[in-house]
Amino acid sequence: MKQIPIPKANEIGTIEEIYNSVLAAKCANFAADTSNLEAEIDRLVYGLYGLTEEEIKIVEGK
């Protein structure tokens, strides 16, 4: 069983900055395309947990 990693403050800060960008875009225009930003958040979170490509496919339902 793997240990759950504790993210570093700078990693959390990066995710938070991107999240705030998504939030600002959606507040300005709910229909705004934020898929690239959301994909970047996903990529960072997957990296925090050290997920493999196979594990990512499971998480994403592919």
Protein backbone atom coordinates (compact mmCIF):
# COMPACT_ATOMS: atom_id res chain seq x y z
CA MET A 1 0.00 0.00 0.00
CA LYS A 2 1.37 3.40 -0.99
CA GLN A 3 1.62 6.31 1.39
CA ILE A 4 -0.43 9.36 0.50
CA PRO A 5 1.93 12.17 -0.51
CA ILE A 6 1.77 15.51 1.22
CA PRO A 7 1.91 18.22 -1.46
CA LYS A 8 4.44 21.01 -1.10
CA ALA A 9 3.16 24.54 -0.58
CA ASN A 10 4.40 25.69 -4.00
CA GLU A 11 2.55 22.82 -5.70
CA ILE A 12 -0.65 23.77 -3.92
CA GLY A 13 -0.04 27.42 -4.82
CA THR A 14 0.27 26.60 -8.51
CA ILE A 15 -2.96 24.61 -8.48
CA GLU A 16 -4.68 27.38 -6.55
CA GLU A 17 -3.53 30.01 -9.08
CA ILE A 18 -4.88 27.99 -11.99
CA TYR A 19 -8.13 27.34 -10.11
CA ASN A 20 -8.51 31.07 -9.49
CA SER A 21 -8.02 31.67 -13.23
CA VAL A 22 -10.78 29.18 -14.00
CA LEU A 23 -13.05 30.80 -11.43
CA ALA A 24 -12.40 34.31 -12.78
CA ALA A 25 -13.05 33.20 -16.35
CA LYS A 26 -16.31 31.48 -15.40
CA CYS A 27 -17.46 34.49 -13.35
CA ALA A 28 -16.83 36.77 -16.32
CA ASN A 29 -18.43 34.40 -18.82
CA PHE A 30 -19.95 31.15 -17.64
CA ALA A 31 -19.55 29.69 -21.13
CA ALA A 32 -15.80 30.43 -21.18
CA ASP A 33 -13.67 27.52 -22.34
CA THR A 34 -11.47 26.61 -19.38
CA SER A 35 -10.76 23.05 -20.48
CA ASN A 36 -7.03 23.73 -20.96
CA LEU A 37 -6.72 25.14 -17.44
CA GLU A 38 -8.75 22.28 -15.99
CA ALA A 39 -6.55 19.76 -17.81
CA GLU A 40 -3.48 21.45 -16.34
CA ILE A 41 -4.94 21.11 -12.84
CA ASP A 42 -5.60 17.43 -13.52
CA ARG A 43 -2.03 16.93 -14.76
CA LEU A 44 -0.59 18.59 -11.65
CA VAL A 45 -2.76 16.53 -9.29
CA TYR A 46 -1.88 13.30 -11.09
CA GLY A 47 1.77 14.24 -10.70
CA LEU A 48 1.33 14.91 -6.97
CA TYR A 49 0.02 11.40 -6.51
CA GLY A 50 2.52 9.83 -8.90
CA LEU A 51 -0.16 8.24 -11.04
CA THR A 52 0.87 6.11 -13.99
CA GLU A 53 -0.71 6.46 -17.44
CA GLU A 54 -2.83 3.37 -16.69
CA GLU A 55 -4.03 4.82 -13.38
CA ILE A 56 -4.87 8.12 -15.08
CA LYS A 57 -6.97 6.25 -17.66
CA ILE A 58 -8.90 4.59 -14.83
CA VAL A 59 -9.48 7.92 -13.07
CA GLU A 60 -10.63 9.54 -16.31
CA GLY A 61 -12.85 6.57 -17.18
CA LYS A 62 -11.03 5.75 -20.41
